[in-house]
């Protein structure tokens, strides 16, 4: 049986290998801090599997996270010598390969889909053991698809040295920096807020100030709250349980008898309006700016802000007219 912990070990090994490359890069004045940051992340993937099965204490993992926060927060990480090909070389390679460049990118989701559907529940021989660990078929498919895509990429580019992919990946990793981890950290923050009862407290404040029976005011507060909490937390999925527990379900659905499907779906869309205008949503806004080497790292946010505002107004109108 292929276990999901093997995938975590592989991811951790890749981070550790890249950290070793960073430590040897004399062109990076902050190579030791960068190597420590990504090395700790890689070690956390490996050690975390033992914490998950309760065979090791969680305290060292927490210490590693705090150390990573200090390394990134105090500016001990940075970019090293560029390992990417020159723009002219990239353009020439793209022109030569053409649409074949999409083959590795398309192979990844196709393999993940096959593992999550066709290979789900497939058994090995007559021993009753499944091929892929139950409940993790899609995640394992993503990992297997990544390996398949890597192989196809090396084949298409006629590259015989897999270390080239590792060096290129390291360049992307350094370009994105610590912001790469923001989505995961913010998703956890949403769970913490929900467990701490933030949604309940926000709901009490809202019901105190909202006029009784005013559905339009409640809709506006819910949608604006979803956008605002998403801006703060950087993730609409993290903001959703807080604002839905505060306003969406108890007021719009229970008290005002709104359609749950419309209220919750449009509420999530309102949160996505906040995603477009916050640097906290690093994977949508800061990372593309770094990868495209834009002069203004907030360029995507500035370009998306008018669309976000217009969509937020439309979401408020849609919920007001179609949810009741």
Foldseek 3Di string as FASTA:
>chain_A
DDEPLVLLLVVLVLLQVLLVVLCPFPQDPLSPLQSLLSNLVSVCSNVVVCVVVPNDDCVVVVVSVVSNCCSVVVPSAAAGDALDDDPVVVVVLCVVCPPVVCVLVVQLVVQLVCQVPVQACPADDPPSHGPYPHPCRSVVSNSVSNVVSLVSVCVSSVPPDSVSVSSNVSNLDRLLDPLVCLVVVLLVVLVVCVVVCLLVVLLVVCVVPDPPPPLLVLLLCLLVQLLVVCQVSVDSNSSLVSSCSRRVPVPVCVPVNWANVLSSVLSSVSNVLSNQQHCSVVVVQQSVCSVVVPPDSRVSNVVSNVVSVVSSVVSSVCRVPPGD
